[in-house]
Amino acid sequence: MSGIRNKKSGQAMIESIFIIILTSLVFLALFQYANLFASKIILTHAAARAARCRSVGFNEWMVMKCARVASIPAAGKRITPAYAGVNPAIKAALQNNRIGDIWDLALNSNTRSPGSMLERGRVPDYMDSVNNPTAEQLLDYEYWDSLSVDIEEDMNLDGTTPGLAVVNVRMRYPFLISLKALVEGELRSPDEDEDIAIQGYFKIENHYPLYIEDANW
C-alpha cells in the first residue's frame, strides 16, 4: 500500500510541475501582451503630439522631438543622462531596514524620484536643441533610434481651407522573453533581432497653410 501511495504522490508532483510551468507561461504571455498594448497606446499619444506639432507649422526636426518626448514611457532604459540614484528618503528607509516605512512613504508621499526630476529639467532643453547630436547629449533612450515618424499630408493646399495630416509613429519593441527559445523548450531573454514593430496612428486638420505660405518642410 505504501508503494501505491508513493507512486500516486510522485504522479501528483509531476502533474503539479506541469501545471505550474503552463500557468507561468500563460502569465508571461499575458504580461507581454499587456506591455505591448500599453506601448501602443503611448505611441498613439506620441502620434497625436506629433500631429499637433505639425498642424501649427513646425518643421520635421521639431515634430520628431515631440514624438520622442511623448514616447518616453515606452522608450525603454534611459541612456543619457545616466542613473540618477534613489530618492533620499527611500534610501534612508532601506538602510534602516524599515520595510513598513518604505510602504508608508510610497502611499503618503507625492515626491518625485531623482530620475523623473532630472527628466523634467532636461525635456525643455531637449526641445530647444538644434540637431540630433546636440539632443543626444541632453536626453536619450534605448528605443529612440528605432522610432520613426511618417506624415502624409495634402500638398494641394490653396491656403483657404485646412488639409489633412495623417501621422504614423513606429517603433521596434523587444519581447520580454525569447519566443524562439520558448518553442524549443528554453526560457531566456530574447536575442537582439527578436522584436516587434508597434505603431501609433493619428490624423488631424492642417492649419498652418492658412497662415504660412511655405508648405515645404
N, C-alpha and C. Protein backbone atom coordinates (compact mmCIF):
# COMPACT_ATOMS: atom_id res chain seq x y z
N MET A 1 0.83 -1.21 0.00
CA MET A 1 0.00 0.00 0.00
C MET A 1 0.86 1.26 0.00
N SER A 2 1.97 1.26 0.76
CA SER A 2 2.84 2.44 0.80
C SER A 2 3.45 2.70 -0.57
N GLY A 3 3.74 1.62 -1.33
CA GLY A 3 4.29 1.80 -2.67
C GLY A 3 3.28 2.48 -3.59
N ILE A 4 2.03 2.10 -3.47
CA ILE A 4 0.98 2.73 -4.30
C ILE A 4 0.83 4.20 -3.93
N ARG A 5 0.88 4.49 -2.61
CA ARG A 5 0.76 5.89 -2.18
C ARG A 5 1.93 6.72 -2.68
N ASN A 6 3.14 6.17 -2.63
CA ASN A 6 4.31 6.90 -3.12
C ASN A 6 4.21 7.15 -4.62
N LYS A 7 3.67 6.15 -5.35
CA LYS A 7 3.52 6.29 -6.81
C LYS A 7 2.53 7.41 -7.14
N LYS A 8 1.41 7.42 -6.39
CA LYS A 8 0.42 8.47 -6.62
C LYS A 8 0.97 9.84 -6.24
N SER A 9 1.76 9.86 -5.15
CA SER A 9 2.34 11.12 -4.71
C SER A 9 3.32 11.67 -5.76
N GLY A 10 4.13 10.78 -6.34
CA GLY A 10 5.06 11.20 -7.38
C GLY A 10 4.34 11.67 -8.63
N GLN A 11 3.26 11.00 -8.99
CA GLN A 11 2.48 11.40 -10.15
C GLN A 11 1.85 12.78 -9.93
N ALA A 12 1.34 13.02 -8.73
CA ALA A 12 0.74 14.31 -8.41
C ALA A 12 1.78 15.43 -8.47
N MET A 13 3.01 15.14 -8.03
CA MET A 13 4.07 16.15 -8.07
C MET A 13 4.41 16.52 -9.51
N ILE A 14 4.52 15.50 -10.39
CA ILE A 14 4.83 15.77 -11.79
C ILE A 14 3.72 16.58 -12.45
N GLU A 15 2.46 16.22 -12.16
CA GLU A 15 1.33 16.97 -12.72
C GLU A 15 1.33 18.42 -12.22
N SER A 16 1.68 18.59 -10.96
CA SER A 16 1.73 19.95 -10.40
C SER A 16 2.81 20.78 -11.09
N ILE A 17 3.96 20.16 -11.37
CA ILE A 17 5.05 20.87 -12.04
C ILE A 17 4.60 21.33 -13.42
N PHE A 18 3.94 20.45 -14.16
CA PHE A 18 3.45 20.81 -15.50
C PHE A 18 2.44 21.95 -15.42
N ILE A 19 1.56 21.90 -14.44
CA ILE A 19 0.55 22.95 -14.28
C ILE A 19 1.21 24.28 -13.94
N ILE A 20 2.22 24.24 -13.05
CA ILE A 20 2.93 25.47 -12.67
C ILE A 20 3.64 26.08 -13.87
N ILE A 21 4.30 25.23 -14.67
CA ILE A 21 5.01 25.72 -15.86
C ILE A 21 4.02 26.34 -16.84
N LEU A 22 2.91 25.65 -17.09
CA LEU A 22 1.91 26.16 -18.03
C LEU A 22 1.32 27.47 -17.53
N THR A 23 1.01 27.54 -16.25
CA THR A 23 0.46 28.77 -15.68
C THR A 23 1.45 29.93 -15.79
N SER A 24 2.71 29.64 -15.54
CA SER A 24 3.74 30.67 -15.64
C SER A 24 3.87 31.20 -17.07
N LEU A 25 3.82 30.29 -18.04
CA LEU A 25 3.92 30.70 -19.44
C LEU A 25 2.71 31.56 -19.85
N VAL A 26 1.53 31.16 -19.38
CA VAL A 26 0.33 31.95 -19.68
C VAL A 26 0.45 33.33 -19.06
N PHE A 27 0.93 33.39 -17.83
CA PHE A 27 1.11 34.68 -17.16
C PHE A 27 2.11 35.55 -17.91
N LEU A 28 3.24 34.97 -18.33
CA LEU A 28 4.23 35.74 -19.07
C LEU A 28 3.67 36.24 -20.40
N ALA A 29 2.87 35.39 -21.07
CA ALA A 29 2.27 35.80 -22.34
C ALA A 29 1.30 36.97 -22.13
N LEU A 30 0.48 36.89 -21.09
CA LEU A 30 -0.46 37.97 -20.80
C LEU A 30 0.27 39.25 -20.42
N PHE A 31 1.34 39.10 -19.64
CA PHE A 31 2.11 40.27 -19.23
C PHE A 31 2.77 40.93 -20.44
N GLN A 32 3.31 40.11 -21.34
CA GLN A 32 3.94 40.65 -22.54
C GLN A 32 2.92 41.34 -23.43
N TYR A 33 1.74 40.75 -23.57
CA TYR A 33 0.69 41.36 -24.38
C TYR A 33 0.25 42.69 -23.77
N ALA A 34 0.08 42.73 -22.45
CA ALA A 34 -0.32 43.96 -21.78
C ALA A 34 0.75 45.04 -21.95
N ASN A 35 2.01 44.64 -21.90
CA ASN A 35 3.10 45.59 -22.08
C ASN A 35 3.10 46.18 -23.49
N LEU A 36 2.89 45.34 -24.49
CA LEU A 36 2.83 45.81 -25.87
C LEU A 36 1.59 46.68 -26.10
N PHE A 37 0.47 46.31 -25.49
CA PHE A 37 -0.75 47.09 -25.64
C PHE A 37 -0.58 48.49 -25.04
N ALA A 38 0.06 48.55 -23.86
CA ALA A 38 0.31 49.85 -23.23
C ALA A 38 1.26 50.69 -24.09
N SER A 39 2.27 50.04 -24.68
CA SER A 39 3.21 50.77 -25.54
C SER A 39 2.51 51.31 -26.78
N LYS A 40 1.56 50.55 -27.31
CA LYS A 40 0.82 51.04 -28.49
C LYS A 40 -0.01 52.27 -28.13
N ILE A 41 -0.61 52.27 -26.97
CA ILE A 41 -1.38 53.45 -26.52
C ILE A 41 -0.46 54.66 -26.40
N ILE A 42 0.74 54.45 -25.86
CA ILE A 42 1.70 55.55 -25.72
C ILE A 42 2.13 56.07 -27.08
N LEU A 43 2.34 55.17 -28.05
CA LEU A 43 2.72 55.61 -29.39
C LEU A 43 1.58 56.35 -30.09
N THR A 44 0.35 55.96 -29.80
CA THR A 44 -0.79 56.71 -30.33
C THR A 44 -0.79 58.14 -29.77
N HIS A 45 -0.49 58.25 -28.50
CA HIS A 45 -0.35 59.59 -27.89
C HIS A 45 0.79 60.36 -28.55
N ALA A 46 1.92 59.67 -28.82
CA ALA A 46 3.06 60.32 -29.47
C ALA A 46 2.68 60.80 -30.88
N ALA A 47 1.89 59.98 -31.59
CA ALA A 47 1.43 60.38 -32.93
C ALA A 47 0.53 61.62 -32.84
N ALA A 48 -0.31 61.68 -31.81
CA ALA A 48 -1.19 62.85 -31.64
C ALA A 48 -0.38 64.10 -31.35
N ARG A 49 0.67 63.97 -30.52
CA ARG A 49 1.51 65.14 -30.22
C ARG A 49 2.28 65.58 -31.46
N ALA A 50 2.78 64.61 -32.24
CA ALA A 50 3.50 64.95 -33.46
C ALA A 50 2.56 65.61 -34.47
N ALA A 51 1.34 65.11 -34.57
CA ALA A 51 0.37 65.69 -35.50
C ALA A 51 0.01 67.12 -35.09
N ARG A 52 -0.19 67.33 -33.81
CA ARG A 52 -0.49 68.68 -33.33
C ARG A 52 0.68 69.63 -33.63
N CYS A 53 1.88 69.13 -33.44
CA CYS A 53 3.08 69.94 -33.71
C CYS A 53 3.14 70.34 -35.19
N ARG A 54 2.87 69.37 -36.07
CA ARG A 54 2.92 69.65 -37.50
C ARG A 54 1.78 70.57 -37.94
N SER A 55 0.62 70.42 -37.32
CA SER A 55 -0.56 71.18 -37.76
C SER A 55 -0.41 72.67 -37.56
N VAL A 56 0.51 73.08 -36.67
CA VAL A 56 0.73 74.52 -36.46
C VAL A 56 1.99 75.00 -37.17
N GLY A 57 2.61 74.13 -38.00
CA GLY A 57 3.67 74.58 -38.88
C GLY A 57 5.09 74.28 -38.47
N PHE A 58 5.32 73.48 -37.41
CA PHE A 58 6.69 73.16 -37.03
C PHE A 58 7.34 72.22 -38.05
N ASN A 59 8.67 72.29 -38.13
CA ASN A 59 9.39 71.51 -39.13
C ASN A 59 9.60 70.06 -38.68
N GLU A 60 10.28 69.29 -39.53
CA GLU A 60 10.44 67.86 -39.32
C GLU A 60 11.18 67.54 -38.03
N TRP A 61 12.23 68.29 -37.71
CA TRP A 61 13.01 68.02 -36.51
C TRP A 61 12.19 68.27 -35.25
N MET A 62 11.42 69.34 -35.23
CA MET A 62 10.58 69.61 -34.07
C MET A 62 9.49 68.55 -33.91
N VAL A 63 8.93 68.08 -35.01
CA VAL A 63 7.91 67.03 -34.96
C VAL A 63 8.51 65.75 -34.38
N MET A 64 9.74 65.42 -34.81
CA MET A 64 10.41 64.22 -34.28
C MET A 64 10.64 64.35 -32.78
N LYS A 65 11.07 65.51 -32.33
CA LYS A 65 11.31 65.70 -30.89
C LYS A 65 10.01 65.57 -30.09
N CYS A 66 8.93 66.10 -30.63
CA CYS A 66 7.63 65.97 -29.95
C CYS A 66 7.24 64.51 -29.80
N ALA A 67 7.44 63.74 -30.87
CA ALA A 67 7.09 62.32 -30.82
C ALA A 67 7.97 61.57 -29.83
N ARG A 68 9.25 61.88 -29.83
CA ARG A 68 10.17 61.19 -28.91
C ARG A 68 9.82 61.46 -27.46
N VAL A 69 9.61 62.72 -27.12
CA VAL A 69 9.32 63.07 -25.73
C VAL A 69 8.00 62.42 -25.28
N ALA A 70 7.01 62.41 -26.16
CA ALA A 70 5.73 61.80 -25.81
C ALA A 70 5.84 60.28 -25.65
N SER A 71 6.86 59.67 -26.27
CA SER A 71 7.01 58.21 -26.21
C SER A 71 7.91 57.75 -25.07
N ILE A 72 8.37 58.65 -24.22
CA ILE A 72 9.31 58.29 -23.15
C ILE A 72 8.84 57.11 -22.30
N PRO A 73 7.56 57.02 -21.90
CA PRO A 73 7.16 55.88 -21.06
C PRO A 73 7.35 54.52 -21.73
N ALA A 74 7.44 54.48 -23.07
CA ALA A 74 7.63 53.22 -23.77
C ALA A 74 9.00 53.13 -24.43
N ALA A 75 9.91 54.05 -24.11
CA ALA A 75 11.19 54.14 -24.81
C ALA A 75 12.30 53.33 -24.18
N GLY A 76 11.99 52.56 -23.16
CA GLY A 76 13.00 51.70 -22.56
C GLY A 76 13.92 52.44 -21.60
N LYS A 77 15.12 51.91 -21.44
CA LYS A 77 16.09 52.43 -20.48
C LYS A 77 16.61 53.80 -20.91
N ARG A 78 16.76 54.70 -19.95
CA ARG A 78 17.35 56.00 -20.25
C ARG A 78 18.86 55.85 -20.36
N ILE A 79 19.41 56.32 -21.48
CA ILE A 79 20.85 56.23 -21.72
C ILE A 79 21.56 57.50 -21.27
N THR A 80 20.98 58.65 -21.63
CA THR A 80 21.52 59.95 -21.23
C THR A 80 20.39 60.80 -20.67
N PRO A 81 20.59 61.37 -19.48
CA PRO A 81 21.70 61.18 -18.53
C PRO A 81 21.61 59.82 -17.83
N ALA A 82 22.68 59.44 -17.21
CA ALA A 82 22.75 58.13 -16.57
C ALA A 82 21.86 58.08 -15.33
N TYR A 83 21.88 56.92 -14.68
CA TYR A 83 21.06 56.67 -13.49
C TYR A 83 21.22 57.79 -12.47
N ALA A 84 20.10 58.29 -11.98
CA ALA A 84 20.11 59.47 -11.11
C ALA A 84 20.07 59.14 -9.62
N GLY A 85 20.04 57.87 -9.28
CA GLY A 85 20.03 57.50 -7.87
C GLY A 85 18.64 57.27 -7.32
N VAL A 86 18.57 57.04 -6.02
CA VAL A 86 17.32 56.72 -5.34
C VAL A 86 16.89 57.92 -4.52
N ASN A 87 15.58 58.07 -4.37
CA ASN A 87 15.04 59.11 -3.51
C ASN A 87 15.71 59.03 -2.14
N PRO A 88 16.28 60.14 -1.60
CA PRO A 88 16.99 60.08 -0.32
C PRO A 88 16.16 59.50 0.82
N ALA A 89 14.86 59.80 0.84
CA ALA A 89 14.01 59.27 1.91
C ALA A 89 13.89 57.74 1.81
N ILE A 90 13.74 57.24 0.58
CA ILE A 90 13.65 55.79 0.40
C ILE A 90 14.99 55.14 0.71
N LYS A 91 16.08 55.80 0.31
CA LYS A 91 17.41 55.25 0.59
C LYS A 91 17.65 55.14 2.09
N ALA A 92 17.22 56.16 2.85
CA ALA A 92 17.38 56.11 4.31
C ALA A 92 16.56 54.99 4.91
N ALA A 93 15.33 54.80 4.38
CA ALA A 93 14.48 53.71 4.88
C ALA A 93 15.09 52.36 4.56
N LEU A 94 15.69 52.22 3.39
CA LEU A 94 16.33 50.95 3.02
C LEU A 94 17.52 50.66 3.91
N GLN A 95 18.30 51.67 4.22
CA GLN A 95 19.47 51.47 5.07
C GLN A 95 19.08 51.07 6.49
N ASN A 96 17.93 51.55 6.93
CA ASN A 96 17.46 51.23 8.28
C ASN A 96 16.61 49.97 8.32
N ASN A 97 16.45 49.32 7.14
CA ASN A 97 15.67 48.07 7.06
C ASN A 97 14.25 48.24 7.57
N ARG A 98 13.64 49.36 7.29
CA ARG A 98 12.28 49.61 7.73
C ARG A 98 11.34 49.43 6.53
N ILE A 99 10.89 48.21 6.32
CA ILE A 99 10.01 47.92 5.20
C ILE A 99 8.69 48.67 5.32
N GLY A 100 8.18 48.76 6.54
CA GLY A 100 6.94 49.50 6.75
C GLY A 100 7.07 50.97 6.41
N ASP A 101 8.27 51.54 6.71
CA ASP A 101 8.48 52.95 6.40
C ASP A 101 8.49 53.18 4.88
N ILE A 102 9.07 52.22 4.14
CA ILE A 102 9.10 52.35 2.68
C ILE A 102 7.68 52.32 2.13
N TRP A 103 6.87 51.42 2.65
CA TRP A 103 5.49 51.32 2.19
C TRP A 103 4.70 52.57 2.53
N ASP A 104 4.87 53.08 3.76
CA ASP A 104 4.19 54.32 4.15
C ASP A 104 4.63 55.49 3.29
N LEU A 105 5.92 55.52 2.96
CA LEU A 105 6.43 56.60 2.14
C LEU A 105 5.83 56.56 0.74
N ALA A 106 5.69 55.35 0.20
CA ALA A 106 5.11 55.21 -1.13
C ALA A 106 3.65 55.63 -1.17
N LEU A 107 2.92 55.38 -0.08
CA LEU A 107 1.50 55.71 -0.04
C LEU A 107 1.23 57.18 0.27
N ASN A 108 2.07 57.76 1.10
CA ASN A 108 1.77 59.10 1.62
C ASN A 108 2.57 60.21 0.97
N SER A 109 3.60 59.87 0.23
CA SER A 109 4.46 60.90 -0.33
C SER A 109 4.13 61.14 -1.80
N ASN A 110 4.13 62.39 -2.22
CA ASN A 110 3.93 62.73 -3.62
C ASN A 110 5.21 63.27 -4.25
N THR A 111 6.35 63.02 -3.59
CA THR A 111 7.63 63.46 -4.12
C THR A 111 8.01 62.62 -5.33
N ARG A 112 8.68 63.24 -6.28
CA ARG A 112 9.11 62.55 -7.48
C ARG A 112 10.52 62.00 -7.28
N SER A 113 10.83 60.95 -8.04
CA SER A 113 12.15 60.35 -7.96
C SER A 113 13.18 61.28 -8.59
N PRO A 114 14.47 61.13 -8.21
CA PRO A 114 15.51 61.96 -8.85
C PRO A 114 15.53 61.79 -10.36
N GLY A 115 15.24 60.59 -10.85
CA GLY A 115 15.23 60.35 -12.29
C GLY A 115 14.16 61.16 -13.00
N SER A 116 12.94 61.17 -12.45
CA SER A 116 11.86 61.92 -13.08
C SER A 116 12.11 63.43 -13.00
N MET A 117 12.69 63.87 -11.88
CA MET A 117 13.01 65.29 -11.76
C MET A 117 14.08 65.69 -12.77
N LEU A 118 15.03 64.79 -13.01
CA LEU A 118 16.07 65.05 -13.99
C LEU A 118 15.48 65.15 -15.39
N GLU A 119 14.54 64.27 -15.69
CA GLU A 119 13.88 64.32 -17.00
C GLU A 119 13.09 65.62 -17.17
N ARG A 120 12.37 66.01 -16.15
CA ARG A 120 11.56 67.24 -16.23
C ARG A 120 12.46 68.45 -16.50
N GLY A 121 13.67 68.43 -15.97
CA GLY A 121 14.57 69.54 -16.21
C GLY A 121 15.23 69.50 -17.58
N ARG A 122 15.39 68.29 -18.13
CA ARG A 122 16.08 68.14 -19.42
C ARG A 122 15.15 68.28 -20.62
N VAL A 123 13.88 67.97 -20.49
CA VAL A 123 12.97 67.99 -21.63
C VAL A 123 12.88 69.36 -22.30
N PRO A 124 12.74 70.48 -21.56
CA PRO A 124 12.70 71.78 -22.24
C PRO A 124 13.97 72.07 -23.04
N ASP A 125 15.14 71.72 -22.48
CA ASP A 125 16.39 71.92 -23.21
C ASP A 125 16.46 71.01 -24.43
N TYR A 126 15.92 69.80 -24.29
CA TYR A 126 15.90 68.88 -25.43
C TYR A 126 15.04 69.44 -26.55
N MET A 127 13.90 70.00 -26.21
CA MET A 127 13.02 70.57 -27.23
C MET A 127 13.64 71.79 -27.89
N ASP A 128 14.58 72.45 -27.22
CA ASP A 128 15.27 73.61 -27.80
C ASP A 128 16.49 73.23 -28.62
N SER A 129 16.88 71.95 -28.62
CA SER A 129 18.10 71.53 -29.32
C SER A 129 17.93 71.71 -30.83
N VAL A 130 19.05 72.01 -31.50
CA VAL A 130 19.00 72.36 -32.92
C VAL A 130 19.25 71.17 -33.84
N ASN A 131 19.86 70.11 -33.32
CA ASN A 131 20.12 68.93 -34.16
C ASN A 131 20.22 67.69 -33.28
N ASN A 132 20.30 66.55 -33.93
CA ASN A 132 20.29 65.28 -33.20
C ASN A 132 21.53 65.07 -32.33
N PRO A 133 22.76 65.36 -32.80
CA PRO A 133 23.93 65.18 -31.91
C PRO A 133 23.83 66.00 -30.63
N THR A 134 23.34 67.23 -30.75
CA THR A 134 23.17 68.05 -29.55
C THR A 134 22.09 67.47 -28.64
N ALA A 135 21.02 67.00 -29.23
CA ALA A 135 19.91 66.44 -28.45
C ALA A 135 20.34 65.19 -27.70
N GLU A 136 21.17 64.35 -28.32
CA GLU A 136 21.60 63.11 -27.68
C GLU A 136 22.42 63.36 -26.43
N GLN A 137 23.08 64.50 -26.35
CA GLN A 137 23.85 64.84 -25.15
C GLN A 137 22.97 65.29 -24.00
N LEU A 138 21.74 65.65 -24.32
CA LEU A 138 20.81 66.12 -23.30
C LEU A 138 19.91 65.01 -22.79
N LEU A 139 19.37 64.20 -23.72
CA LEU A 139 18.41 63.17 -23.35
C LEU A 139 18.40 62.10 -24.43
N ASP A 140 18.46 60.85 -24.02
CA ASP A 140 18.44 59.76 -24.98
C ASP A 140 17.91 58.50 -24.31
N TYR A 141 17.16 57.71 -25.08
CA TYR A 141 16.57 56.49 -24.55
C TYR A 141 16.87 55.31 -25.47
N GLU A 142 16.73 54.14 -24.91
CA GLU A 142 17.16 52.91 -25.56
C GLU A 142 16.50 52.68 -26.91
N TYR A 143 15.19 52.95 -27.03
CA TYR A 143 14.46 52.61 -28.25
C TYR A 143 14.23 53.81 -29.18
N TRP A 144 14.79 54.96 -28.85
CA TRP A 144 14.57 56.13 -29.70
C TRP A 144 15.18 55.96 -31.09
N ASP A 145 16.26 55.20 -31.20
CA ASP A 145 16.88 55.01 -32.51
C ASP A 145 15.94 54.31 -33.49
N SER A 146 15.05 53.48 -32.98
CA SER A 146 14.14 52.75 -33.86
C SER A 146 12.82 53.48 -34.10
N LEU A 147 12.65 54.65 -33.48
CA LEU A 147 11.39 55.38 -33.62
C LEU A 147 11.40 56.19 -34.92
N SER A 148 10.33 56.11 -35.67
CA SER A 148 10.20 56.87 -36.91
C SER A 148 8.83 57.55 -36.96
N VAL A 149 8.78 58.69 -37.62
CA VAL A 149 7.54 59.46 -37.76
C VAL A 149 7.28 59.67 -39.25
N ASP A 150 6.15 59.17 -39.72
CA ASP A 150 5.75 59.33 -41.12
C ASP A 150 4.50 60.19 -41.18
N ILE A 151 4.55 61.23 -41.99
CA ILE A 151 3.42 62.16 -42.11
C ILE A 151 3.00 62.24 -43.58
N GLU A 152 1.73 61.96 -43.81
CA GLU A 152 1.15 62.13 -45.13
C GLU A 152 0.19 63.31 -45.07
N GLU A 153 0.45 64.31 -45.89
CA GLU A 153 -0.41 65.50 -45.86
C GLU A 153 -0.74 65.94 -47.28
N ASP A 154 -1.88 66.53 -47.41
CA ASP A 154 -2.35 67.03 -48.69
C ASP A 154 -1.53 68.25 -49.09
N MET A 155 -0.75 68.10 -50.17
CA MET A 155 0.10 69.21 -50.62
C MET A 155 -0.61 70.13 -51.60
N ASN A 156 -1.82 69.77 -52.03
CA ASN A 156 -2.61 70.64 -52.91
C ASN A 156 -3.41 71.61 -52.05
N LEU A 157 -2.69 72.49 -51.39
CA LEU A 157 -3.32 73.39 -50.43
C LEU A 157 -3.50 74.77 -51.07
N ASP A 158 -4.72 75.27 -51.02
CA ASP A 158 -5.00 76.57 -51.62
C ASP A 158 -4.90 77.71 -50.61
N GLY A 159 -4.65 77.37 -49.35
CA GLY A 159 -4.50 78.41 -48.34
C GLY A 159 -5.80 78.94 -47.79
N THR A 160 -6.93 78.36 -48.19
CA THR A 160 -8.22 78.84 -47.69
C THR A 160 -8.92 77.84 -46.78
N THR A 161 -8.63 76.57 -46.97
CA THR A 161 -9.23 75.54 -46.12
C THR A 161 -8.13 74.61 -45.61
N PRO A 162 -8.25 74.11 -44.39
CA PRO A 162 -7.22 73.22 -43.86
C PRO A 162 -7.21 71.87 -44.58
N GLY A 163 -6.02 71.35 -44.79
CA GLY A 163 -5.89 70.00 -45.33
C GLY A 163 -5.92 68.98 -44.21
N LEU A 164 -5.47 67.78 -44.50
CA LEU A 164 -5.49 66.70 -43.52
C LEU A 164 -4.10 66.07 -43.43
N ALA A 165 -3.58 65.92 -42.22
CA ALA A 165 -2.30 65.27 -41.98
C ALA A 165 -2.54 63.94 -41.28
N VAL A 166 -1.97 62.89 -41.83
CA VAL A 166 -2.07 61.55 -41.25
C VAL A 166 -0.69 61.18 -40.71
N VAL A 167 -0.60 60.91 -39.42
CA VAL A 167 0.69 60.68 -38.77
C VAL A 167 0.77 59.24 -38.28
N ASN A 168 1.87 58.58 -38.61
CA ASN A 168 2.16 57.23 -38.12
C ASN A 168 3.49 57.27 -37.37
N VAL A 169 3.48 56.84 -36.12
CA VAL A 169 4.70 56.72 -35.32
C VAL A 169 4.97 55.24 -35.10
N ARG A 170 6.14 54.79 -35.52
CA ARG A 170 6.50 53.37 -35.42
C ARG A 170 7.75 53.22 -34.57
N MET A 171 7.83 52.09 -33.86
CA MET A 171 8.99 51.80 -33.04
C MET A 171 9.17 50.30 -32.91
N ARG A 172 10.42 49.84 -32.95
CA ARG A 172 10.73 48.43 -32.72
C ARG A 172 10.78 48.19 -31.22
N TYR A 173 10.01 47.21 -30.77
CA TYR A 173 9.91 46.95 -29.33
C TYR A 173 10.29 45.50 -29.06
N PRO A 174 11.25 45.24 -28.19
CA PRO A 174 11.71 43.86 -27.96
C PRO A 174 10.72 43.06 -27.12
N PHE A 175 10.72 41.76 -27.32
CA PHE A 175 9.93 40.88 -26.48
C PHE A 175 10.58 40.77 -25.10
N LEU A 176 9.78 40.47 -24.12
CA LEU A 176 10.30 40.28 -22.76
C LEU A 176 11.00 38.92 -22.61
N ILE A 177 10.50 37.92 -23.33
CA ILE A 177 11.12 36.60 -23.32
C ILE A 177 11.34 36.15 -24.76
N SER A 178 12.28 35.25 -24.97
CA SER A 178 12.59 34.78 -26.31
C SER A 178 11.54 33.78 -26.78
N LEU A 179 10.79 34.13 -27.84
CA LEU A 179 9.79 33.22 -28.36
C LEU A 179 10.44 32.05 -29.10
N LYS A 180 11.57 32.31 -29.76
CA LYS A 180 12.28 31.23 -30.45
C LYS A 180 12.75 30.16 -29.47
N ALA A 181 13.36 30.63 -28.40
CA ALA A 181 13.84 29.67 -27.39
C ALA A 181 12.69 28.98 -26.69
N LEU A 182 11.56 29.69 -26.52
CA LEU A 182 10.42 29.10 -25.83
C LEU A 182 9.83 27.94 -26.63
N VAL A 183 9.82 28.08 -27.95
CA VAL A 183 9.34 26.98 -28.80
C VAL A 183 10.23 25.75 -28.65
N GLU A 184 11.53 25.99 -28.42
CA GLU A 184 12.48 24.89 -28.25
C GLU A 184 12.52 24.38 -26.82
N GLY A 185 11.69 24.95 -25.95
CA GLY A 185 11.62 24.47 -24.58
C GLY A 185 12.58 25.15 -23.63
N GLU A 186 13.09 26.33 -24.02
CA GLU A 186 14.04 27.05 -23.17
C GLU A 186 13.48 28.43 -22.86
N LEU A 187 13.63 28.84 -21.61
CA LEU A 187 13.13 30.14 -21.16
C LEU A 187 14.32 31.04 -20.91
N ARG A 188 14.48 32.08 -21.75
CA ARG A 188 15.60 33.01 -21.60
C ARG A 188 15.24 34.34 -22.22
N SER A 189 16.15 35.30 -22.06
CA SER A 189 15.93 36.64 -22.62
C SER A 189 16.02 36.59 -24.14
N PRO A 190 15.32 37.48 -24.83
CA PRO A 190 15.32 37.46 -26.30
C PRO A 190 16.65 37.90 -26.88
N ASP A 191 16.93 37.47 -28.12
CA ASP A 191 18.09 37.95 -28.86
C ASP A 191 17.84 39.36 -29.37
N GLU A 192 18.87 39.97 -29.92
CA GLU A 192 18.76 41.35 -30.38
C GLU A 192 17.75 41.50 -31.52
N ASP A 193 17.62 40.45 -32.35
CA ASP A 193 16.73 40.55 -33.51
C ASP A 193 15.31 40.12 -33.22
N GLU A 194 15.01 39.80 -31.97
CA GLU A 194 13.66 39.38 -31.61
C GLU A 194 12.88 40.58 -31.07
N ASP A 195 12.15 41.23 -31.95
CA ASP A 195 11.33 42.36 -31.55
C ASP A 195 10.12 42.43 -32.46
N ILE A 196 9.27 43.38 -32.18
CA ILE A 196 8.05 43.54 -32.95
C ILE A 196 7.85 45.03 -33.24
N ALA A 197 7.31 45.33 -34.40
CA ALA A 197 7.04 46.72 -34.76
C ALA A 197 5.67 47.12 -34.24
N ILE A 198 5.62 48.13 -33.42
CA ILE A 198 4.34 48.66 -32.94
C ILE A 198 4.15 50.05 -33.53
N GLN A 199 2.91 50.45 -33.64
CA GLN A 199 2.60 51.68 -34.37
C GLN A 199 1.48 52.44 -33.70
N GLY A 200 1.61 53.75 -33.69
CA GLY A 200 0.56 54.65 -33.26
C GLY A 200 0.10 55.48 -34.44
N TYR A 201 -1.18 55.76 -34.51
CA TYR A 201 -1.77 56.43 -35.68
C TYR A 201 -2.66 57.58 -35.22
N PHE A 202 -2.58 58.69 -35.96
CA PHE A 202 -3.45 59.83 -35.64
C PHE A 202 -3.58 60.70 -36.88
N LYS A 203 -4.74 61.32 -37.05
CA LYS A 203 -4.93 62.26 -38.15
C LYS A 203 -5.56 63.54 -37.61
N ILE A 204 -5.19 64.64 -38.27
CA ILE A 204 -5.60 65.95 -37.76
C ILE A 204 -5.68 66.93 -38.93
N GLU A 205 -6.49 67.96 -38.77
CA GLU A 205 -6.54 69.01 -39.78
C GLU A 205 -5.28 69.86 -39.73
N ASN A 206 -4.74 70.15 -40.90
CA ASN A 206 -3.56 71.01 -41.00
C ASN A 206 -3.99 72.46 -41.07
N HIS A 207 -3.59 73.24 -40.07
CA HIS A 207 -3.99 74.64 -40.03
C HIS A 207 -2.90 75.59 -40.50
N TYR A 208 -1.65 75.12 -40.51
CA TYR A 208 -0.58 76.07 -40.81
C TYR A 208 -0.65 76.67 -42.21
N PRO A 209 -1.18 75.96 -43.25
CA PRO A 209 -1.25 76.61 -44.58
C PRO A 209 -2.15 77.84 -44.60
N LEU A 210 -3.01 77.97 -43.59
CA LEU A 210 -3.89 79.14 -43.55
C LEU A 210 -3.13 80.42 -43.25
N TYR A 211 -1.95 80.27 -42.60
CA TYR A 211 -1.20 81.49 -42.25
C TYR A 211 0.29 81.39 -42.57
N ILE A 212 0.75 80.26 -43.11
CA ILE A 212 2.14 80.13 -43.54
C ILE A 212 2.12 79.78 -45.03
N GLU A 213 2.80 80.56 -45.83
CA GLU A 213 2.77 80.34 -47.26
C GLU A 213 3.57 79.12 -47.70
N ASP A 214 4.69 78.87 -47.04
CA ASP A 214 5.57 77.78 -47.45
C ASP A 214 5.10 76.48 -46.83
N ALA A 215 4.63 75.52 -47.63
CA ALA A 215 4.17 74.22 -47.14
C ALA A 215 5.27 73.17 -47.21
N ASN A 216 6.46 73.55 -47.67
CA ASN A 216 7.56 72.59 -47.79
C ASN A 216 8.39 72.62 -46.51
N TRP A 217 8.40 71.53 -45.79
CA TRP A 217 9.14 71.50 -44.53
C TRP A 217 10.43 70.73 -44.68
